[in-house]
Amino acid sequence: MARHPWSVLVPLTTLAAGLLFATSASTAQGTDLRADRRLQLTELVARERAAVERRSRAAAELREQVSRESEEVGDRDGRVAQAAPPRALEEAAGLGAVRGPGVTVTLDDAPRQPGRPPLSDDPDDLVVHQQDVQAVVNALWSGGAEAMTLMGQRVVSTSAVRCVGNTVVLHGRVYSPPFVVTALGEPGDLGRALDGDPGVGYFRTFVDRFGLGYAVQEEADARLPAYDGPLELPHVVEQAPA
């Protein structure tokens, strides 16, 4: 009687699976391989974050040194003083610290309560997304914001807010929720801009349904630091196809 193909394939599949399990067990040596990969990724993020902090501090020190030496030379040479950018332009570009009245907006993920099921089966319903943060930032600019920070970092014209998972990346630094945006301007105008913005309104429906965090606080005298990141505009040169 002819042998059925399955009578050969089943033993071969079983043998291959056994070899795979044995190899994994030998490689893991009693550890969780996936946990090791998560640990390595966490260490990489922490190491790169520390490197960004060191370089940011070094850049800030160099800018301060250049500014100080430029002022000293400008006192002796009027041509240097004329070449320096006016302070009004520095403030408009976010290169100077500012203070004044404004508002602070805080967005947060829905709280996880032990012993109670989440209010939604879709995890995306329970976290703050990039478009939510961007909607708040855009609404504040449209409401007349004169200056702004996100997580304490100055937001300028070249700033890009990006989300990776449930974290925000700004100027190479990674932040976890709650996300805090502070803007200088007339508090009443800023508040009305937030209330009338469709993107912010959409996010607030999830606040009501799933318990996400959203709070607006008026500031009598908010203090915003100067932008301390790179001033060059990054660009990519595309190669023409051969």
C-alpha atoms as a PDB file:
ATOM      1  CA  MET A   1       0.000   0.000   0.000  1.00  0.00           C
ATOM      2  CA  ALA A   2       1.365   3.463  -0.895  1.00  0.00           C
ATOM      3  CA  ARG A   3       2.543   5.599   2.004  1.00  0.00           C
ATOM      4  CA  HIS A   4       0.435   8.752   2.596  1.00  0.00           C
ATOM      5  CA  PRO A   5       2.536  11.980   2.487  1.00  0.00           C
ATOM      6  CA  TRP A   6       1.272  13.032   5.935  1.00  0.00           C
ATOM      7  CA  SER A   7       2.860   9.961   7.498  1.00  0.00           C
ATOM      8  CA  VAL A   8       6.241  11.415   6.532  1.00  0.00           C
ATOM      9  CA  LEU A   9       5.573  15.133   7.133  1.00  0.00           C
ATOM     10  CA  VAL A  10       4.233  14.768  10.679  1.00  0.00           C
ATOM     11  CA  PRO A  11       7.372  13.098  12.131  1.00  0.00           C
ATOM     12  CA  LEU A  12       9.624  15.576  10.311  1.00  0.00           C
ATOM     13  CA  THR A  13       7.621  18.541  11.650  1.00  0.00           C
ATOM     14  CA  THR A  14       7.736  17.119  15.171  1.00  0.00           C
ATOM     15  CA  LEU A  15      11.496  16.619  14.924  1.00  0.00           C
ATOM     16  CA  ALA A  16      12.041  20.181  13.650  1.00  0.00           C
ATOM     17  CA  ALA A  17       9.928  21.635  16.463  1.00  0.00           C
ATOM     18  CA  GLY A  18      11.886  19.625  19.036  1.00  0.00           C
ATOM     19  CA  LEU A  19      15.189  20.900  17.661  1.00  0.00           C
ATOM     20  CA  LEU A  20      13.874  24.487  17.749  1.00  0.00           C
ATOM     21  CA  PHE A  21      12.760  24.177  21.379  1.00  0.00           C
ATOM     22  CA  ALA A  22      16.060  22.597  22.378  1.00  0.00           C
ATOM     23  CA  THR A  23      18.035  25.369  20.648  1.00  0.00           C
ATOM     24  CA  SER A  24      15.964  28.095  22.331  1.00  0.00           C
ATOM     25  CA  ALA A  25      16.384  26.465  25.734  1.00  0.00           C
ATOM     26  CA  SER A  26      20.133  26.173  25.243  1.00  0.00           C
ATOM     27  CA  THR A  27      20.434  29.790  24.128  1.00  0.00           C
ATOM     28  CA  ALA A  28      18.242  31.183  26.904  1.00  0.00           C
ATOM     29  CA  GLN A  29      19.958  29.135  29.656  1.00  0.00           C
ATOM     30  CA  GLY A  30      16.980  29.505  31.926  1.00  0.00           C
ATOM     31  CA  THR A  31      16.274  33.165  31.093  1.00  0.00           C
ATOM     32  CA  ASP A  32      13.523  34.924  29.142  1.00  0.00           C
ATOM     33  CA  LEU A  33      14.960  35.889  25.751  1.00  0.00           C
ATOM     34  CA  ARG A  34      12.228  38.471  25.115  1.00  0.00           C
ATOM     35  CA  ALA A  35      12.827  40.080  28.504  1.00  0.00           C
ATOM     36  CA  ASP A  36      16.533  40.347  27.646  1.00  0.00           C
ATOM     37  CA  ARG A  37      15.677  42.174  24.422  1.00  0.00           C
ATOM     38  CA  ARG A  38      13.373  44.562  26.283  1.00  0.00           C
ATOM     39  CA  LEU A  39      16.118  45.201  28.826  1.00  0.00           C
ATOM     40  CA  GLN A  40      18.656  45.903  26.096  1.00  0.00           C
ATOM     41  CA  LEU A  41      16.257  48.354  24.415  1.00  0.00           C
ATOM     42  CA  THR A  42      15.623  50.121  27.743  1.00  0.00           C
ATOM     43  CA  GLU A  43      19.355  50.419  28.364  1.00  0.00           C
ATOM     44  CA  LEU A  44      19.883  51.784  24.847  1.00  0.00           C
ATOM     45  CA  VAL A  45      17.190  54.448  25.304  1.00  0.00           C
ATOM     46  CA  ALA A  46      18.632  55.454  28.694  1.00  0.00           C
ATOM     47  CA  ARG A  47      22.176  55.644  27.291  1.00  0.00           C
ATOM     48  CA  GLU A  48      21.121  57.753  24.289  1.00  0.00           C
ATOM     49  CA  ARG A  49      19.044  60.037  26.507  1.00  0.00           C
ATOM     50  CA  ALA A  50      22.050  60.632  28.760  1.00  0.00           C
ATOM     51  CA  ALA A  51      24.177  61.400  25.688  1.00  0.00           C
ATOM     52  CA  VAL A  52      21.630  63.950  24.460  1.00  0.00           C
ATOM     53  CA  GLU A  53      21.607  65.616  27.883  1.00  0.00           C
ATOM     54  CA  ARG A  54      25.426  65.873  27.924  1.00  0.00           C
ATOM     55  CA  ARG A  55      25.565  67.324  24.424  1.00  0.00           C
ATOM     56  CA  SER A  56      22.760  69.783  25.180  1.00  0.00           C
ATOM     57  CA  ARG A  57      24.618  71.070  28.235  1.00  0.00           C
ATOM     58  CA  ALA A  58      27.839  71.373  26.241  1.00  0.00           C
ATOM     59  CA  ALA A  59      26.037  73.237  23.434  1.00  0.00           C
ATOM     60  CA  ALA A  60      24.414  75.627  25.921  1.00  0.00           C
ATOM     61  CA  GLU A  61      27.798  76.368  27.492  1.00  0.00           C
ATOM     62  CA  LEU A  62      29.353  77.038  24.076  1.00  0.00           C
ATOM     63  CA  ARG A  63      26.506  79.364  23.059  1.00  0.00           C
ATOM     64  CA  GLU A  64      26.874  81.266  26.310  1.00  0.00           C
ATOM     65  CA  GLN A  65      30.616  81.563  25.731  1.00  0.00           C
ATOM     66  CA  VAL A  66      30.115  82.814  22.153  1.00  0.00           C
ATOM     67  CA  SER A  67      27.528  85.350  23.315  1.00  0.00           C
ATOM     68  CA  ARG A  68      29.772  86.606  26.112  1.00  0.00           C
ATOM     69  CA  GLU A  69      32.832  86.946  23.889  1.00  0.00           C
ATOM     70  CA  SER A  70      30.779  88.590  21.126  1.00  0.00           C
ATOM     71  CA  GLU A  71      29.574  91.230  23.573  1.00  0.00           C
ATOM     72  CA  GLU A  72      33.135  91.865  24.748  1.00  0.00           C
ATOM     73  CA  VAL A  73      34.398  92.254  21.179  1.00  0.00           C
ATOM     74  CA  GLY A  74      31.342  94.347  20.259  1.00  0.00           C
ATOM     75  CA  ASP A  75      32.271  96.871  22.947  1.00  0.00           C
ATOM     76  CA  ARG A  76      35.560  97.436  21.106  1.00  0.00           C
ATOM     77  CA  ASP A  77      34.408  96.996  17.493  1.00  0.00           C
ATOM     78  CA  GLY A  78      31.132  98.505  16.314  1.00  0.00           C
ATOM     79  CA  ARG A  79      31.035  96.230  13.257  1.00  0.00           C
ATOM     80  CA  VAL A  80      30.644  93.164  15.502  1.00  0.00           C
ATOM     81  CA  ALA A  81      27.876  94.851  17.460  1.00  0.00           C
ATOM     82  CA  GLN A  82      25.985  95.609  14.253  1.00  0.00           C
ATOM     83  CA  ALA A  83      26.347  92.007  13.051  1.00  0.00           C
ATOM     84  CA  ALA A  84      24.817  90.583  16.226  1.00  0.00           C
ATOM     85  CA  PRO A  85      21.061  89.815  15.959  1.00  0.00           C
ATOM     86  CA  PRO A  86      18.803  92.292  17.768  1.00  0.00           C
ATOM     87  CA  ARG A  87      17.361  91.005  21.039  1.00  0.00           C
ATOM     88  CA  ALA A  88      13.825  91.299  19.634  1.00  0.00           C
ATOM     89  CA  LEU A  89      14.732  88.819  16.901  1.00  0.00           C
ATOM     90  CA  GLU A  90      16.298  86.442  19.426  1.00  0.00           C
ATOM     91  CA  GLU A  91      13.126  86.468  21.500  1.00  0.00           C
ATOM     92  CA  ALA A  92      10.948  85.894  18.438  1.00  0.00           C
ATOM     93  CA  ALA A  93      13.115  82.911  17.497  1.00  0.00           C
ATOM     94  CA  GLY A  94      12.853  81.498  21.010  1.00  0.00           C
ATOM     95  CA  LEU A  95      16.520  82.116  21.854  1.00  0.00           C
ATOM     96  CA  GLY A  96      15.766  84.158  24.955  1.00  0.00           C
ATOM     97  CA  ALA A  97      13.999  83.309  28.203  1.00  0.00           C
ATOM     98  CA  VAL A  98      10.590  84.964  28.629  1.00  0.00           C
ATOM     99  CA  ARG A  99       7.960  85.297  31.319  1.00  0.00           C
ATOM    100  CA  GLY A 100       4.387  86.485  31.664  1.00  0.00           C
ATOM    101  CA  PRO A 101       0.764  85.365  32.007  1.00  0.00           C
ATOM    102  CA  GLY A 102      -0.506  82.315  30.154  1.00  0.00           C
ATOM    103  CA  VAL A 103      -1.954  78.849  30.601  1.00  0.00           C
ATOM    104  CA  THR A 104      -0.677  75.345  31.305  1.00  0.00           C
ATOM    105  CA  VAL A 105      -2.414  72.355  29.701  1.00  0.00           C
ATOM    106  CA  THR A 106      -1.858  68.832  31.030  1.00  0.00           C
ATOM    107  CA  LEU A 107      -2.793  65.674  29.109  1.00  0.00           C
ATOM    108  CA  ASP A 108      -2.531  62.220  30.653  1.00  0.00           C
ATOM    109  CA  ASP A 109      -3.325  58.574  29.938  1.00  0.00           C
ATOM    110  CA  ALA A 110      -6.346  56.973  31.568  1.00  0.00           C
ATOM    111  CA  PRO A 111      -5.456  55.648  35.049  1.00  0.00           C
ATOM    112  CA  ARG A 112      -5.136  51.917  35.534  1.00  0.00           C
ATOM    113  CA  GLN A 113      -7.065  50.755  38.590  1.00  0.00           C
ATOM    114  CA  PRO A 114      -6.051  47.365  40.035  1.00  0.00           C
ATOM    115  CA  GLY A 115      -8.899  44.905  40.170  1.00  0.00           C
ATOM    116  CA  ARG A 116     -11.068  46.866  37.760  1.00  0.00           C
ATOM    117  CA  PRO A 117     -11.240  46.230  34.008  1.00  0.00           C
ATOM    118  CA  PRO A 118     -10.329  49.119  31.678  1.00  0.00           C
ATOM    119  CA  LEU A 119     -13.150  51.188  30.227  1.00  0.00           C
ATOM    120  CA  SER A 120     -12.201  50.106  26.695  1.00  0.00           C
ATOM    121  CA  ASP A 121     -10.849  46.912  25.150  1.00  0.00           C
ATOM    122  CA  ASP A 122      -8.809  48.993  22.689  1.00  0.00           C
ATOM    123  CA  PRO A 123      -5.566  50.247  24.347  1.00  0.00           C
ATOM    124  CA  ASP A 124      -5.423  53.149  21.865  1.00  0.00           C
ATOM    125  CA  ASP A 125      -8.525  54.621  23.532  1.00  0.00           C
ATOM    126  CA  LEU A 126      -6.706  54.908  26.863  1.00  0.00           C
ATOM    127  CA  VAL A 127      -3.541  56.809  25.918  1.00  0.00           C
ATOM    128  CA  VAL A 128      -2.623  60.278  24.676  1.00  0.00           C
ATOM    129  CA  HIS A 129      -1.554  60.292  21.018  1.00  0.00           C
ATOM    130  CA  GLN A 130       0.639  62.586  18.950  1.00  0.00           C
ATOM    131  CA  GLN A 131      -2.349  64.250  17.311  1.00  0.00           C
ATOM    132  CA  ASP A 132      -3.771  65.095  20.743  1.00  0.00           C
ATOM    133  CA  VAL A 133      -0.622  66.920  21.845  1.00  0.00           C
ATOM    134  CA  GLN A 134      -0.324  68.586  18.440  1.00  0.00           C
ATOM    135  CA  ALA A 135      -3.955  69.743  18.595  1.00  0.00           C
ATOM    136  CA  VAL A 136      -3.288  71.516  21.906  1.00  0.00           C
ATOM    137  CA  VAL A 137      -0.094  73.105  20.572  1.00  0.00           C
ATOM    138  CA  ASN A 138      -1.826  74.320  17.381  1.00  0.00           C
ATOM    139  CA  ALA A 139      -4.827  75.666  19.296  1.00  0.00           C
ATOM    140  CA  LEU A 140      -2.592  77.685  21.606  1.00  0.00           C
ATOM    141  CA  TRP A 141      -0.655  79.174  18.692  1.00  0.00           C
ATOM    142  CA  SER A 142      -3.907  80.103  16.948  1.00  0.00           C
ATOM    143  CA  GLY A 143      -5.134  81.653  20.197  1.00  0.00           C
ATOM    144  CA  GLY A 144      -2.266  84.132  20.202  1.00  0.00           C
ATOM    145  CA  ALA A 145       0.439  82.334  22.167  1.00  0.00           C
ATOM    146  CA  GLU A 146       3.646  84.359  22.192  1.00  0.00           C
ATOM    147  CA  ALA A 147       5.908  81.538  23.381  1.00  0.00           C
ATOM    148  CA  MET A 148       5.470  77.910  24.390  1.00  0.00           C
ATOM    149  CA  THR A 149       7.141  74.972  26.098  1.00  0.00           C
ATOM    150  CA  LEU A 150       6.394  71.242  25.989  1.00  0.00           C
ATOM    151  CA  MET A 151       7.679  69.291  28.972  1.00  0.00           C
ATOM    152  CA  GLY A 152       9.737  72.337  29.910  1.00  0.00           C
ATOM    153  CA  GLN A 153      11.450  72.558  26.513  1.00  0.00           C
ATOM    154  CA  ARG A 154      10.986  75.647  24.379  1.00  0.00           C
ATOM    155  CA  VAL A 155       8.969  75.009  21.224  1.00  0.00           C
ATOM    156  CA  VAL A 156      10.260  76.898  18.177  1.00  0.00           C
ATOM    157  CA  SER A 157       9.448  76.966  14.477  1.00  0.00           C
ATOM    158  CA  THR A 158      11.608  73.919  13.743  1.00  0.00           C
ATOM    159  CA  SER A 159      10.281  71.811  16.629  1.00  0.00           C
ATOM    160  CA  ALA A 160       8.588  68.535  15.702  1.00  0.00           C
ATOM    161  CA  VAL A 161       6.396  66.686  18.193  1.00  0.00           C
ATOM    162  CA  ARG A 162       6.548  62.930  17.606  1.00  0.00           C
ATOM    163  CA  CYS A 163       5.137  60.007  19.558  1.00  0.00           C
ATOM    164  CA  VAL A 164       6.810  56.625  19.972  1.00  0.00           C
ATOM    165  CA  GLY A 165       4.369  54.296  21.696  1.00  0.00           C
ATOM    166  CA  ASN A 166       2.929  56.280  24.582  1.00  0.00           C
ATOM    167  CA  THR A 167       5.958  58.586  24.860  1.00  0.00           C
ATOM    168  CA  VAL A 168       6.702  61.951  23.238  1.00  0.00           C
ATOM    169  CA  VAL A 169      10.029  62.705  21.544  1.00  0.00           C
ATOM    170  CA  LEU A 170      11.030  66.369  21.343  1.00  0.00           C
ATOM    171  CA  HIS A 171      14.503  67.585  20.326  1.00  0.00           C
ATOM    172  CA  GLY A 172      15.913  64.094  20.865  1.00  0.00           C
ATOM    173  CA  ARG A 173      14.557  63.680  24.386  1.00  0.00           C
ATOM    174  CA  VAL A 174      11.916  61.155  25.384  1.00  0.00           C
ATOM    175  CA  TYR A 175       9.081  62.003  27.789  1.00  0.00           C
ATOM    176  CA  SER A 176       6.349  59.914  29.373  1.00  0.00           C
ATOM    177  CA  PRO A 177       2.873  61.174  30.289  1.00  0.00           C
ATOM    178  CA  PRO A 178       1.517  63.351  31.715  1.00  0.00           C
ATOM    179  CA  PHE A 179       2.383  65.779  28.916  1.00  0.00           C
ATOM    180  CA  VAL A 180       2.542  69.426  29.991  1.00  0.00           C
ATOM    181  CA  VAL A 181       2.258  72.372  27.581  1.00  0.00           C
ATOM    182  CA  THR A 182       2.723  75.948  28.838  1.00  0.00           C
ATOM    183  CA  ALA A 183       1.999  78.970  26.629  1.00  0.00           C
ATOM    184  CA  LEU A 184       2.394  82.694  27.254  1.00  0.00           C
ATOM    185  CA  GLY A 185      -0.424  84.957  26.176  1.00  0.00           C
ATOM    186  CA  GLU A 186      -3.791  86.305  27.244  1.00  0.00           C
ATOM    187  CA  PRO A 187      -5.284  83.452  29.313  1.00  0.00           C
ATOM    188  CA  GLY A 188      -8.839  84.179  28.179  1.00  0.00           C
ATOM    189  CA  ASP A 189      -7.920  84.074  24.479  1.00  0.00           C
ATOM    190  CA  LEU A 190      -5.901  80.901  24.922  1.00  0.00           C
ATOM    191  CA  GLY A 191      -8.707  79.206  26.827  1.00  0.00           C
ATOM    192  CA  ARG A 192     -11.287  80.097  24.178  1.00  0.00           C
ATOM    193  CA  ALA A 193      -8.970  78.789  21.453  1.00  0.00           C
ATOM    194  CA  LEU A 194      -8.708  75.452  23.269  1.00  0.00           C
ATOM    195  CA  ASP A 195     -12.476  75.256  23.753  1.00  0.00           C
ATOM    196  CA  GLY A 196     -13.166  75.974  20.079  1.00  0.00           C
ATOM    197  CA  ASP A 197     -10.537  73.701  18.516  1.00  0.00           C
ATOM    198  CA  PRO A 198     -12.023  70.566  16.865  1.00  0.00           C
ATOM    199  CA  GLY A 199      -8.963  68.412  17.605  1.00  0.00           C
ATOM    200  CA  VAL A 200      -8.969  69.326  21.279  1.00  0.00           C
ATOM    201  CA  GLY A 201     -12.735  68.794  21.385  1.00  0.00           C
ATOM    202  CA  TYR A 202     -12.329  65.302  19.921  1.00  0.00           C
ATOM    203  CA  PHE A 203      -9.736  64.426  22.567  1.00  0.00           C
ATOM    204  CA  ARG A 204     -12.060  65.670  25.304  1.00  0.00           C
ATOM    205  CA  THR A 205     -14.727  63.174  24.203  1.00  0.00           C
ATOM    206  CA  PHE A 206     -12.257  60.439  25.150  1.00  0.00           C
ATOM    207  CA  VAL A 207     -11.642  62.241  28.433  1.00  0.00           C
ATOM    208  CA  ASP A 208     -15.353  61.950  29.220  1.00  0.00           C
ATOM    209  CA  ARG A 209     -15.729  58.353  27.988  1.00  0.00           C
ATOM    210  CA  PHE A 210     -12.509  56.678  29.094  1.00  0.00           C
ATOM    211  CA  GLY A 211     -11.103  58.863  31.863  1.00  0.00           C
ATOM    212  CA  LEU A 212      -8.095  60.397  30.107  1.00  0.00           C
ATOM    213  CA  GLY A 213      -6.597  63.411  31.850  1.00  0.00           C
ATOM    214  CA  TYR A 214      -7.131  66.973  30.609  1.00  0.00           C
ATOM    215  CA  ALA A 215      -6.623  70.086  32.734  1.00  0.00           C
ATOM    216  CA  VAL A 216      -6.155  73.773  31.942  1.00  0.00           C
ATOM    217  CA  GLN A 217      -4.633  76.094  34.540  1.00  0.00           C
ATOM    218  CA  GLU A 218      -4.133  79.838  34.221  1.00  0.00           C
ATOM    219  CA  GLU A 219      -0.641  81.135  34.996  1.00  0.00           C
ATOM    220  CA  ALA A 220      -0.110  84.616  36.427  1.00  0.00           C
ATOM    221  CA  ASP A 221       3.637  84.628  35.816  1.00  0.00           C
ATOM    222  CA  ALA A 222       4.939  81.653  33.824  1.00  0.00           C
ATOM    223  CA  ARG A 223       8.669  81.489  33.088  1.00  0.00           C
ATOM    224  CA  LEU A 224       9.816  79.849  29.876  1.00  0.00           C
ATOM    225  CA  PRO A 225      13.490  79.033  29.203  1.00  0.00           C
ATOM    226  CA  ALA A 226      15.329  79.823  25.999  1.00  0.00           C
ATOM    227  CA  TYR A 227      15.596  77.204  23.272  1.00  0.00           C
ATOM    228  CA  ASP A 228      18.884  75.338  23.704  1.00  0.00           C
ATOM    229  CA  GLY A 229      18.822  72.937  20.749  1.00  0.00           C
ATOM    230  CA  PRO A 230      20.590  73.025  17.378  1.00  0.00           C
ATOM    231  CA  LEU A 231      19.818  75.914  15.023  1.00  0.00           C
ATOM    232  CA  GLU A 232      20.709  74.184  11.766  1.00  0.00           C
ATOM    233  CA  LEU A 233      17.868  72.949   9.550  1.00  0.00           C
ATOM    234  CA  PRO A 234      18.304  69.206   8.900  1.00  0.00           C
ATOM    235  CA  HIS A 235      17.829  68.061   5.344  1.00  0.00           C
ATOM    236  CA  VAL A 236      18.223  64.911   3.319  1.00  0.00           C
ATOM    237  CA  VAL A 237      19.840  64.904  -0.117  1.00  0.00           C
ATOM    238  CA  GLU A 238      18.193  62.320  -2.323  1.00  0.00           C
ATOM    239  CA  GLN A 239      20.413  60.496  -4.781  1.00  0.00           C
ATOM    240  CA  ALA A 240      19.227  60.374  -8.361  1.00  0.00           C
ATOM    241  CA  PRO A 241      18.545  56.847  -9.571  1.00  0.00           C
ATOM    242  CA  ALA A 242      21.335  55.312 -11.595  1.00  0.00           C
END
